[in-house]
Amino acid sequence: MSTIAHRHADVDGFNVFYREAGPTGAPKLLLLHGFPSSSHMFRDLIPLLADRFHIVAPDLPGFGQSDMPERKDFAYTFDNLANVIDRFTEVIGFDRYAVYVFDYGAPTGFRLALKHPERVTAIISQNGNAYVEGLSDGWNPIQAYWKDPTQANRDALRPMLERDTTIWQYTHGVSDKTRVSPDGYSLDDYYMSRPGAHEIQLDLFGDYQSNVALYPAFQQYFRTHQPPFLAVWGKHDPFFLPPGAEAFRRDIPNADVRFFDTGHFALETHAAEIAAAIASFLTR
């Protein structure tokens, strides 16, 4: 069982919390979490891979134990999330790495690949979307806010930040819900309940349209650089549909696309299977 260290990095004055495991000389693997989670979502995956990879899993700005500055001091956009994580990789010496992206981690990680294609050795996407066909109707209320950013449309998104919705995200599409630990969604709800957290998340809902606008650029990166690519997808995800996973093959013909009989938070039920797929893929 590999030891997991819990650390903080000073990224130009921004405190980034991260989990680190594995031998420092091993191939590097960067894990990027999604909404509304934190690096805690990788608690089961890291020990399964740390014998052969040097793993780092940061909390994104405004999430988990990383700094959550007030909105007047930090604009919560995906460009800014990616900028902080980009500098974070430089501060800790992650010069070349494979990246695992999930949900919000996908537009963050894909921005890193666009900016530094020479640094990204491979991509694992676990329900991390880059195609319009991957967006379900669950995005309709958020897209309405993009088209008409009124206070009413912003307020209509607040139920998505409540505890019951977080639990639903973890359990929807899971055949055996007893396999989903309450620890993950309870911790997410704790962080989401902090003063100011809801407004930050609503800002990110609004800015998600910048990710969709970048889909053509992400796809051009895939076509040009042909990164080794593995998609491990919970096929019952209510937000990111299987066609979004299959679409990667359009731009990366050799992409390895695998579906698992679970939902959005696939690691809650299939960490061992996904770890085996990652280990086989990265070793190849």
C-alpha atoms as a PDB file:
ATOM      1  CA  MET A   1       0.000   0.000   0.000  1.00  0.00           C
ATOM      2  CA  SER A   2       1.612   3.246  -1.121  1.00  0.00           C
ATOM      3  CA  THR A   3       1.798   6.191   1.246  1.00  0.00           C
ATOM      4  CA  ILE A   4      -0.199   9.228   0.142  1.00  0.00           C
ATOM      5  CA  ALA A   5       1.239  12.595   1.177  1.00  0.00           C
ATOM      6  CA  HIS A   6      -1.065  15.582   1.622  1.00  0.00           C
ATOM      7  CA  ARG A   7       0.734  18.772   0.646  1.00  0.00           C
ATOM      8  CA  HIS A   8       0.305  22.445  -0.146  1.00  0.00           C
ATOM      9  CA  ALA A   9       2.063  24.337  -2.942  1.00  0.00           C
ATOM     10  CA  ASP A  10       2.541  28.098  -3.085  1.00  0.00           C
ATOM     11  CA  VAL A  11       1.606  28.978  -6.660  1.00  0.00           C
ATOM     12  CA  ASP A  12       2.489  32.652  -6.978  1.00  0.00           C
ATOM     13  CA  GLY A  13       0.732  33.322  -3.682  1.00  0.00           C
ATOM     14  CA  PHE A  14      -2.186  30.948  -4.383  1.00  0.00           C
ATOM     15  CA  ASN A  15      -2.338  27.971  -2.027  1.00  0.00           C
ATOM     16  CA  VAL A  16      -3.006  24.714  -3.913  1.00  0.00           C
ATOM     17  CA  PHE A  17      -3.658  21.577  -1.887  1.00  0.00           C
ATOM     18  CA  TYR A  18      -2.666  18.287  -3.478  1.00  0.00           C
ATOM     19  CA  ARG A  19      -2.244  14.577  -2.846  1.00  0.00           C
ATOM     20  CA  GLU A  20       0.974  12.921  -3.943  1.00  0.00           C
ATOM     21  CA  ALA A  21       2.035   9.289  -4.115  1.00  0.00           C
ATOM     22  CA  GLY A  22       4.417   6.988  -5.936  1.00  0.00           C
ATOM     23  CA  PRO A  23       8.146   7.018  -6.684  1.00  0.00           C
ATOM     24  CA  THR A  24       9.474  10.376  -7.854  1.00  0.00           C
ATOM     25  CA  GLY A  25      11.366   8.806 -10.754  1.00  0.00           C
ATOM     26  CA  ALA A  26       8.330   7.033 -12.168  1.00  0.00           C
ATOM     27  CA  PRO A  27       6.204   8.289 -15.093  1.00  0.00           C
ATOM     28  CA  LYS A  28       4.114  11.237 -13.951  1.00  0.00           C
ATOM     29  CA  LEU A  29       0.303  11.204 -13.786  1.00  0.00           C
ATOM     30  CA  LEU A  30      -1.755  14.322 -13.056  1.00  0.00           C
ATOM     31  CA  LEU A  31      -5.314  13.737 -11.789  1.00  0.00           C
ATOM     32  CA  LEU A  32      -7.850  16.546 -12.277  1.00  0.00           C
ATOM     33  CA  HIS A  33     -11.198  16.291 -10.485  1.00  0.00           C
ATOM     34  CA  GLY A  34     -14.576  17.761 -11.413  1.00  0.00           C
ATOM     35  CA  PHE A  35     -17.674  19.429  -9.986  1.00  0.00           C
ATOM     36  CA  PRO A  36     -18.575  19.467  -7.144  1.00  0.00           C
ATOM     37  CA  SER A  37     -15.739  17.314  -5.918  1.00  0.00           C
ATOM     38  CA  SER A  38     -12.065  17.582  -4.980  1.00  0.00           C
ATOM     39  CA  SER A  39      -8.984  15.376  -5.117  1.00  0.00           C
ATOM     40  CA  HIS A  40     -10.764  13.243  -2.510  1.00  0.00           C
ATOM     41  CA  MET A  41     -12.545  11.566  -5.443  1.00  0.00           C
ATOM     42  CA  PHE A  42      -9.250   9.784  -6.249  1.00  0.00           C
ATOM     43  CA  ARG A  43      -8.866   8.236  -2.775  1.00  0.00           C
ATOM     44  CA  ASP A  44      -9.457   4.705  -4.131  1.00  0.00           C
ATOM     45  CA  LEU A  45      -7.641   5.118  -7.452  1.00  0.00           C
ATOM     46  CA  ILE A  46      -4.324   6.494  -6.208  1.00  0.00           C
ATOM     47  CA  PRO A  47      -3.268   3.452  -4.131  1.00  0.00           C
ATOM     48  CA  LEU A  48      -3.991   1.164  -7.095  1.00  0.00           C
ATOM     49  CA  LEU A  49      -1.559   3.022  -9.376  1.00  0.00           C
ATOM     50  CA  ALA A  50       1.070   4.465  -7.035  1.00  0.00           C
ATOM     51  CA  ASP A  51       3.356   1.433  -7.277  1.00  0.00           C
ATOM     52  CA  ARG A  52       4.261   2.362 -10.863  1.00  0.00           C
ATOM     53  CA  PHE A  53       3.414   6.053 -11.341  1.00  0.00           C
ATOM     54  CA  HIS A  54       4.292   9.330  -9.646  1.00  0.00           C
ATOM     55  CA  ILE A  55       0.816  10.698  -9.008  1.00  0.00           C
ATOM     56  CA  VAL A  56      -0.293  14.209  -8.120  1.00  0.00           C
ATOM     57  CA  ALA A  57      -3.939  15.204  -7.607  1.00  0.00           C
ATOM     58  CA  PRO A  58      -4.563  18.907  -6.850  1.00  0.00           C
ATOM     59  CA  ASP A  59      -7.762  20.570  -5.683  1.00  0.00           C
ATOM     60  CA  LEU A  60      -8.843  23.138  -8.267  1.00  0.00           C
ATOM     61  CA  PRO A  61      -9.069  26.779  -7.130  1.00  0.00           C
ATOM     62  CA  GLY A  62     -12.243  27.254  -5.095  1.00  0.00           C
ATOM     63  CA  PHE A  63     -12.574  23.518  -4.433  1.00  0.00           C
ATOM     64  CA  GLY A  64     -11.571  21.280  -1.544  1.00  0.00           C
ATOM     65  CA  GLN A  65      -8.622  22.508   0.492  1.00  0.00           C
ATOM     66  CA  SER A  66      -7.181  24.869  -2.122  1.00  0.00           C
ATOM     67  CA  ASP A  67      -7.654  28.611  -1.691  1.00  0.00           C
ATOM     68  CA  MET A  68     -11.156  29.958  -2.297  1.00  0.00           C
ATOM     69  CA  PRO A  69     -10.590  33.707  -2.639  1.00  0.00           C
ATOM     70  CA  GLU A  70     -13.544  36.037  -2.844  1.00  0.00           C
ATOM     71  CA  ARG A  71     -14.952  36.670  -6.307  1.00  0.00           C
ATOM     72  CA  LYS A  72     -13.786  40.295  -6.210  1.00  0.00           C
ATOM     73  CA  ASP A  73     -10.205  39.052  -5.852  1.00  0.00           C
ATOM     74  CA  PHE A  74     -10.266  36.124  -8.280  1.00  0.00           C
ATOM     75  CA  ALA A  75     -12.391  35.661 -11.395  1.00  0.00           C
ATOM     76  CA  TYR A  76     -13.757  32.116 -11.394  1.00  0.00           C
ATOM     77  CA  THR A  77     -13.336  31.190 -15.035  1.00  0.00           C
ATOM     78  CA  PHE A  78     -11.976  28.007 -16.567  1.00  0.00           C
ATOM     79  CA  ASP A  79      -9.119  29.987 -18.082  1.00  0.00           C
ATOM     80  CA  ASN A  80      -8.076  31.025 -14.589  1.00  0.00           C
ATOM     81  CA  LEU A  81      -8.478  27.519 -13.156  1.00  0.00           C
ATOM     82  CA  ALA A  82      -6.219  26.228 -15.920  1.00  0.00           C
ATOM     83  CA  ASN A  83      -3.694  29.035 -15.413  1.00  0.00           C
ATOM     84  CA  VAL A  84      -3.310  28.170 -11.723  1.00  0.00           C
ATOM     85  CA  ILE A  85      -2.984  24.441 -12.408  1.00  0.00           C
ATOM     86  CA  ASP A  86      -0.521  25.110 -15.228  1.00  0.00           C
ATOM     87  CA  ARG A  87       1.726  27.082 -12.867  1.00  0.00           C
ATOM     88  CA  PHE A  88       1.166  24.424 -10.192  1.00  0.00           C
ATOM     89  CA  THR A  89       2.660  21.760 -12.455  1.00  0.00           C
ATOM     90  CA  GLU A  90       5.683  23.985 -12.999  1.00  0.00           C
ATOM     91  CA  VAL A  91       6.116  24.730  -9.298  1.00  0.00           C
ATOM     92  CA  ILE A  92       6.132  21.036  -8.337  1.00  0.00           C
ATOM     93  CA  GLY A  93       8.298  19.986 -11.309  1.00  0.00           C
ATOM     94  CA  PHE A  94       5.720  18.113 -13.359  1.00  0.00           C
ATOM     95  CA  ASP A  95       7.380  18.819 -16.693  1.00  0.00           C
ATOM     96  CA  ARG A  96       5.999  15.849 -18.678  1.00  0.00           C
ATOM     97  CA  TYR A  97       2.954  13.937 -17.553  1.00  0.00           C
ATOM     98  CA  ALA A  98      -0.072  11.928 -18.506  1.00  0.00           C
ATOM     99  CA  VAL A  99      -3.296  13.593 -17.403  1.00  0.00           C
ATOM    100  CA  TYR A 100      -6.531  12.049 -16.116  1.00  0.00           C
ATOM    101  CA  VAL A 101      -9.454  14.412 -16.624  1.00  0.00           C
ATOM    102  CA  PHE A 102     -12.979  14.212 -15.254  1.00  0.00           C
ATOM    103  CA  ASP A 103     -15.865  16.660 -15.659  1.00  0.00           C
ATOM    104  CA  TYR A 104     -14.426  20.156 -14.902  1.00  0.00           C
ATOM    105  CA  GLY A 105     -10.971  18.628 -15.003  1.00  0.00           C
ATOM    106  CA  ALA A 106     -11.421  18.006 -18.733  1.00  0.00           C
ATOM    107  CA  PRO A 107     -11.591  21.622 -19.968  1.00  0.00           C
ATOM    108  CA  THR A 108      -8.842  22.393 -17.459  1.00  0.00           C
ATOM    109  CA  GLY A 109      -6.569  19.611 -18.668  1.00  0.00           C
ATOM    110  CA  PHE A 110      -7.345  20.149 -22.347  1.00  0.00           C
ATOM    111  CA  ARG A 111      -6.302  23.789 -21.953  1.00  0.00           C
ATOM    112  CA  LEU A 112      -2.945  22.581 -20.573  1.00  0.00           C
ATOM    113  CA  ALA A 113      -2.542  20.297 -23.576  1.00  0.00           C
ATOM    114  CA  LEU A 114      -3.374  23.124 -25.987  1.00  0.00           C
ATOM    115  CA  LYS A 115      -0.825  25.392 -24.345  1.00  0.00           C
ATOM    116  CA  HIS A 116       1.910  22.791 -23.835  1.00  0.00           C
ATOM    117  CA  PRO A 117       1.374  19.834 -26.173  1.00  0.00           C
ATOM    118  CA  GLU A 118       4.964  18.755 -25.597  1.00  0.00           C
ATOM    119  CA  ARG A 119       4.301  18.225 -21.890  1.00  0.00           C
ATOM    120  CA  VAL A 120       1.267  15.933 -22.136  1.00  0.00           C
ATOM    121  CA  THR A 121       2.330  12.350 -22.802  1.00  0.00           C
ATOM    122  CA  ALA A 122      -1.160  10.780 -22.742  1.00  0.00           C
ATOM    123  CA  ILE A 123      -4.761  11.585 -21.817  1.00  0.00           C
ATOM    124  CA  ILE A 124      -7.259   9.535 -19.824  1.00  0.00           C
ATOM    125  CA  SER A 125     -10.771  10.987 -19.974  1.00  0.00           C
ATOM    126  CA  GLN A 126     -13.271   9.701 -17.447  1.00  0.00           C
ATOM    127  CA  ASN A 127     -16.531  11.366 -18.424  1.00  0.00           C
ATOM    128  CA  GLY A 128     -14.565  14.402 -19.528  1.00  0.00           C
ATOM    129  CA  ASN A 129     -16.273  15.866 -22.565  1.00  0.00           C
ATOM    130  CA  ALA A 130     -15.017  17.733 -25.649  1.00  0.00           C
ATOM    131  CA  TYR A 131     -17.898  17.266 -28.113  1.00  0.00           C
ATOM    132  CA  VAL A 132     -21.338  18.846 -28.398  1.00  0.00           C
ATOM    133  CA  GLU A 133     -22.946  15.444 -28.874  1.00  0.00           C
ATOM    134  CA  GLY A 134     -21.718  14.496 -25.423  1.00  0.00           C
ATOM    135  CA  LEU A 135     -23.901  17.125 -23.719  1.00  0.00           C
ATOM    136  CA  SER A 136     -27.216  15.791 -22.412  1.00  0.00           C
ATOM    137  CA  ASP A 137     -30.476  17.678 -21.932  1.00  0.00           C
ATOM    138  CA  GLY A 138     -29.361  18.102 -18.324  1.00  0.00           C
ATOM    139  CA  TRP A 139     -27.373  21.086 -19.604  1.00  0.00           C
ATOM    140  CA  ASN A 140     -30.468  22.911 -20.838  1.00  0.00           C
ATOM    141  CA  PRO A 141     -30.951  25.110 -17.734  1.00  0.00           C
ATOM    142  CA  ILE A 142     -27.267  26.082 -17.805  1.00  0.00           C
ATOM    143  CA  GLN A 143     -27.415  26.824 -21.520  1.00  0.00           C
ATOM    144  CA  ALA A 144     -30.452  29.023 -20.885  1.00  0.00           C
ATOM    145  CA  TYR A 145     -28.276  31.016 -18.477  1.00  0.00           C
ATOM    146  CA  TRP A 146     -25.588  31.349 -21.163  1.00  0.00           C
ATOM    147  CA  LYS A 147     -28.091  32.726 -23.643  1.00  0.00           C
ATOM    148  CA  ASP A 148     -29.775  35.076 -21.179  1.00  0.00           C
ATOM    149  CA  PRO A 149     -27.651  35.661 -18.050  1.00  0.00           C
ATOM    150  CA  THR A 150     -30.427  37.187 -15.941  1.00  0.00           C
ATOM    151  CA  GLN A 151     -30.640  36.848 -12.182  1.00  0.00           C
ATOM    152  CA  ALA A 152     -33.729  34.667 -12.656  1.00  0.00           C
ATOM    153  CA  ASN A 153     -31.855  32.220 -14.881  1.00  0.00           C
ATOM    154  CA  ARG A 154     -28.923  32.240 -12.454  1.00  0.00           C
ATOM    155  CA  ASP A 155     -31.221  31.537  -9.509  1.00  0.00           C
ATOM    156  CA  ALA A 156     -32.843  28.694 -11.449  1.00  0.00           C
ATOM    157  CA  LEU A 157     -29.523  26.849 -11.224  1.00  0.00           C
ATOM    158  CA  ARG A 158     -29.284  26.946  -7.427  1.00  0.00           C
ATOM    159  CA  PRO A 159     -31.009  23.559  -6.922  1.00  0.00           C
ATOM    160  CA  MET A 160     -28.030  21.993  -8.698  1.00  0.00           C
ATOM    161  CA  LEU A 161     -25.895  23.027  -5.716  1.00  0.00           C
ATOM    162  CA  GLU A 162     -28.042  21.404  -3.038  1.00  0.00           C
ATOM    163  CA  ARG A 163     -27.138  18.245  -1.123  1.00  0.00           C
ATOM    164  CA  ASP A 164     -29.880  16.119  -2.707  1.00  0.00           C
ATOM    165  CA  THR A 165     -28.604  16.954  -6.182  1.00  0.00           C
ATOM    166  CA  THR A 166     -25.042  16.089  -5.196  1.00  0.00           C
ATOM    167  CA  ILE A 167     -26.192  12.720  -3.872  1.00  0.00           C
ATOM    168  CA  TRP A 168     -28.145  12.171  -7.087  1.00  0.00           C
ATOM    169  CA  GLN A 169     -25.018  12.868  -9.144  1.00  0.00           C
ATOM    170  CA  TYR A 170     -23.210  10.133  -7.247  1.00  0.00           C
ATOM    171  CA  THR A 171     -25.988   7.540  -7.363  1.00  0.00           C
ATOM    172  CA  HIS A 172     -27.811   8.062 -10.679  1.00  0.00           C
ATOM    173  CA  GLY A 173     -27.196   5.157 -13.025  1.00  0.00           C
ATOM    174  CA  VAL A 174     -25.574   2.990 -10.345  1.00  0.00           C
ATOM    175  CA  SER A 175     -27.149  -0.466 -10.214  1.00  0.00           C
ATOM    176  CA  ASP A 176     -26.045  -1.173  -6.642  1.00  0.00           C
ATOM    177  CA  LYS A 177     -26.153   2.076  -4.659  1.00  0.00           C
ATOM    178  CA  THR A 178     -24.660   0.377  -1.579  1.00  0.00           C
ATOM    179  CA  ARG A 179     -21.316   0.550  -3.410  1.00  0.00           C
ATOM    180  CA  VAL A 180     -21.395   4.365  -3.274  1.00  0.00           C
ATOM    181  CA  SER A 181     -19.811   5.573  -0.054  1.00  0.00           C
ATOM    182  CA  PRO A 182     -21.578   8.539   1.567  1.00  0.00           C
ATOM    183  CA  ASP A 183     -18.178  10.038   2.385  1.00  0.00           C
ATOM    184  CA  GLY A 184     -17.654  11.505  -1.076  1.00  0.00           C
ATOM    185  CA  TYR A 185     -20.918  13.359  -1.481  1.00  0.00           C
ATOM    186  CA  SER A 186     -20.972  14.383   2.192  1.00  0.00           C
ATOM    187  CA  LEU A 187     -17.545  15.998   1.878  1.00  0.00           C
ATOM    188  CA  ASP A 188     -18.570  17.698  -1.371  1.00  0.00           C
ATOM    189  CA  ASP A 189     -21.677  19.080   0.338  1.00  0.00           C
ATOM    190  CA  TYR A 190     -19.552  20.350   3.227  1.00  0.00           C
ATOM    191  CA  TYR A 191     -17.300  22.294   0.871  1.00  0.00           C
ATOM    192  CA  MET A 192     -20.281  23.485  -1.162  1.00  0.00           C
ATOM    193  CA  SER A 193     -21.922  24.850   1.996  1.00  0.00           C
ATOM    194  CA  ARG A 194     -19.109  27.299   2.757  1.00  0.00           C
ATOM    195  CA  PRO A 195     -19.990  31.005   2.589  1.00  0.00           C
ATOM    196  CA  GLY A 196     -19.675  32.263  -0.967  1.00  0.00           C
ATOM    197  CA  ALA A 197     -19.268  28.818  -2.524  1.00  0.00           C
ATOM    198  CA  HIS A 198     -22.606  28.847  -4.329  1.00  0.00           C
ATOM    199  CA  GLU A 199     -21.890  32.125  -6.103  1.00  0.00           C
ATOM    200  CA  ILE A 200     -18.506  30.814  -7.203  1.00  0.00           C
ATOM    201  CA  GLN A 201     -20.101  27.700  -8.663  1.00  0.00           C
ATOM    202  CA  LEU A 202     -22.769  29.741 -10.420  1.00  0.00           C
ATOM    203  CA  ASP A 203     -19.986  31.818 -11.992  1.00  0.00           C
ATOM    204  CA  LEU A 204     -18.401  28.601 -13.264  1.00  0.00           C
ATOM    205  CA  PHE A 205     -21.746  27.376 -14.608  1.00  0.00           C
ATOM    206  CA  GLY A 206     -21.931  30.599 -16.566  1.00  0.00           C
ATOM    207  CA  ASP A 207     -18.364  30.341 -17.840  1.00  0.00           C
ATOM    208  CA  TYR A 208     -18.738  26.724 -18.946  1.00  0.00           C
ATOM    209  CA  GLN A 209     -19.819  28.105 -22.297  1.00  0.00           C
ATOM    210  CA  SER A 210     -16.166  29.061 -22.833  1.00  0.00           C
ATOM    211  CA  ASN A 211     -15.351  25.331 -22.800  1.00  0.00           C
ATOM    212  CA  VAL A 212     -17.939  24.558 -25.466  1.00  0.00           C
ATOM    213  CA  ALA A 213     -16.539  27.418 -27.537  1.00  0.00           C
ATOM    214  CA  LEU A 214     -13.116  25.750 -27.307  1.00  0.00           C
ATOM    215  CA  TYR A 215     -14.344  22.330 -28.444  1.00  0.00           C
ATOM    216  CA  PRO A 216     -13.152  22.945 -32.038  1.00  0.00           C
ATOM    217  CA  ALA A 217      -9.700  23.929 -30.741  1.00  0.00           C
ATOM    218  CA  PHE A 218      -9.537  20.854 -28.491  1.00  0.00           C
ATOM    219  CA  GLN A 219     -10.543  18.669 -31.439  1.00  0.00           C
ATOM    220  CA  GLN A 220      -7.900  20.258 -33.666  1.00  0.00           C
ATOM    221  CA  TYR A 221      -5.316  19.500 -30.964  1.00  0.00           C
ATOM    222  CA  PHE A 222      -6.437  15.851 -30.964  1.00  0.00           C
ATOM    223  CA  ARG A 223      -6.179  15.616 -34.761  1.00  0.00           C
ATOM    224  CA  THR A 224      -2.809  17.345 -34.931  1.00  0.00           C
ATOM    225  CA  HIS A 225      -0.993  15.723 -32.027  1.00  0.00           C
ATOM    226  CA  GLN A 226      -2.747  12.323 -31.801  1.00  0.00           C
ATOM    227  CA  PRO A 227      -2.035  11.932 -28.072  1.00  0.00           C
ATOM    228  CA  PRO A 228      -2.350   8.389 -26.731  1.00  0.00           C
ATOM    229  CA  PHE A 229      -5.951   8.484 -25.500  1.00  0.00           C
ATOM    230  CA  LEU A 230      -8.058   6.337 -23.201  1.00  0.00           C
ATOM    231  CA  ALA A 231     -11.719   7.060 -22.455  1.00  0.00           C
ATOM    232  CA  VAL A 232     -13.164   5.277 -19.407  1.00  0.00           C
ATOM    233  CA  TRP A 233     -16.813   6.285 -19.274  1.00  0.00           C
ATOM    234  CA  GLY A 234     -19.684   5.677 -16.908  1.00  0.00           C
ATOM    235  CA  LYS A 235     -22.281   4.948 -19.566  1.00  0.00           C
ATOM    236  CA  HIS A 236     -25.256   6.088 -17.457  1.00  0.00           C
ATOM    237  CA  ASP A 237     -23.859   9.585 -16.848  1.00  0.00           C
ATOM    238  CA  PRO A 238     -26.816  12.029 -16.847  1.00  0.00           C
ATOM    239  CA  PHE A 239     -24.648  14.913 -18.060  1.00  0.00           C
ATOM    240  CA  PHE A 240     -22.016  13.520 -20.444  1.00  0.00           C
ATOM    241  CA  LEU A 241     -23.421  10.966 -22.852  1.00  0.00           C
ATOM    242  CA  PRO A 242     -21.664   7.952 -24.451  1.00  0.00           C
ATOM    243  CA  PRO A 243     -21.622   9.637 -27.895  1.00  0.00           C
ATOM    244  CA  GLY A 244     -19.220  12.155 -26.357  1.00  0.00           C
ATOM    245  CA  ALA A 245     -16.808   9.328 -25.557  1.00  0.00           C
ATOM    246  CA  GLU A 246     -17.199   7.686 -28.957  1.00  0.00           C
ATOM    247  CA  ALA A 247     -16.547  11.025 -30.696  1.00  0.00           C
ATOM    248  CA  PHE A 248     -12.902  10.998 -29.580  1.00  0.00           C
ATOM    249  CA  ARG A 249     -12.302   8.258 -32.163  1.00  0.00           C
ATOM    250  CA  ARG A 250     -13.308  10.690 -34.890  1.00  0.00           C
ATOM    251  CA  ASP A 251     -10.217  12.795 -34.212  1.00  0.00           C
ATOM    252  CA  ILE A 252      -7.981  10.118 -32.637  1.00  0.00           C
ATOM    253  CA  PRO A 253      -8.661   6.909 -34.576  1.00  0.00           C
ATOM    254  CA  ASN A 254      -6.532   4.844 -32.179  1.00  0.00           C
ATOM    255  CA  ALA A 255      -8.352   6.097 -29.080  1.00  0.00           C
ATOM    256  CA  ASP A 256      -9.245   3.324 -26.645  1.00  0.00           C
ATOM    257  CA  VAL A 257     -12.873   3.866 -25.556  1.00  0.00           C
ATOM    258  CA  ARG A 258     -14.323   1.735 -22.758  1.00  0.00           C
ATOM    259  CA  PHE A 259     -17.720   1.911 -21.084  1.00  0.00           C
ATOM    260  CA  PHE A 260     -18.576   0.876 -17.558  1.00  0.00           C
ATOM    261  CA  ASP A 261     -21.981   0.018 -16.136  1.00  0.00           C
ATOM    262  CA  THR A 262     -22.160   2.984 -13.774  1.00  0.00           C
ATOM    263  CA  GLY A 263     -22.872   6.711 -13.632  1.00  0.00           C
ATOM    264  CA  HIS A 264     -21.057  10.044 -13.502  1.00  0.00           C
ATOM    265  CA  PHE A 265     -18.712   9.302 -10.579  1.00  0.00           C
ATOM    266  CA  ALA A 266     -17.437   6.047 -12.043  1.00  0.00           C
ATOM    267  CA  LEU A 267     -14.572   5.702  -9.554  1.00  0.00           C
ATOM    268  CA  GLU A 268     -17.057   5.269  -6.715  1.00  0.00           C
ATOM    269  CA  THR A 269     -17.997   1.849  -8.080  1.00  0.00           C
ATOM    270  CA  HIS A 270     -15.321   0.871 -10.616  1.00  0.00           C
ATOM    271  CA  ALA A 271     -11.987   2.147  -9.284  1.00  0.00           C
ATOM    272  CA  ALA A 272     -10.295  -1.251  -9.623  1.00  0.00           C
ATOM    273  CA  GLU A 273     -11.458  -1.781 -13.188  1.00  0.00           C
ATOM    274  CA  ILE A 274     -10.493   1.742 -14.251  1.00  0.00           C
ATOM    275  CA  ALA A 275      -7.118   1.473 -12.533  1.00  0.00           C
ATOM    276  CA  ALA A 276      -6.414  -1.762 -14.449  1.00  0.00           C
ATOM    277  CA  ALA A 277      -7.370  -0.063 -17.726  1.00  0.00           C
ATOM    278  CA  ILE A 278      -5.105   2.926 -16.959  1.00  0.00           C
ATOM    279  CA  ALA A 279      -2.161   0.753 -15.937  1.00  0.00           C
ATOM    280  CA  SER A 280      -2.431  -1.336 -19.114  1.00  0.00           C
ATOM    281  CA  PHE A 281      -2.860   1.748 -21.296  1.00  0.00           C
ATOM    282  CA  LEU A 282       0.020   3.767 -19.851  1.00  0.00           C
ATOM    283  CA  THR A 283       2.350   0.779 -19.751  1.00  0.00           C
ATOM    284  CA  ARG A 284       1.703   0.226 -23.475  1.00  0.00           C
END
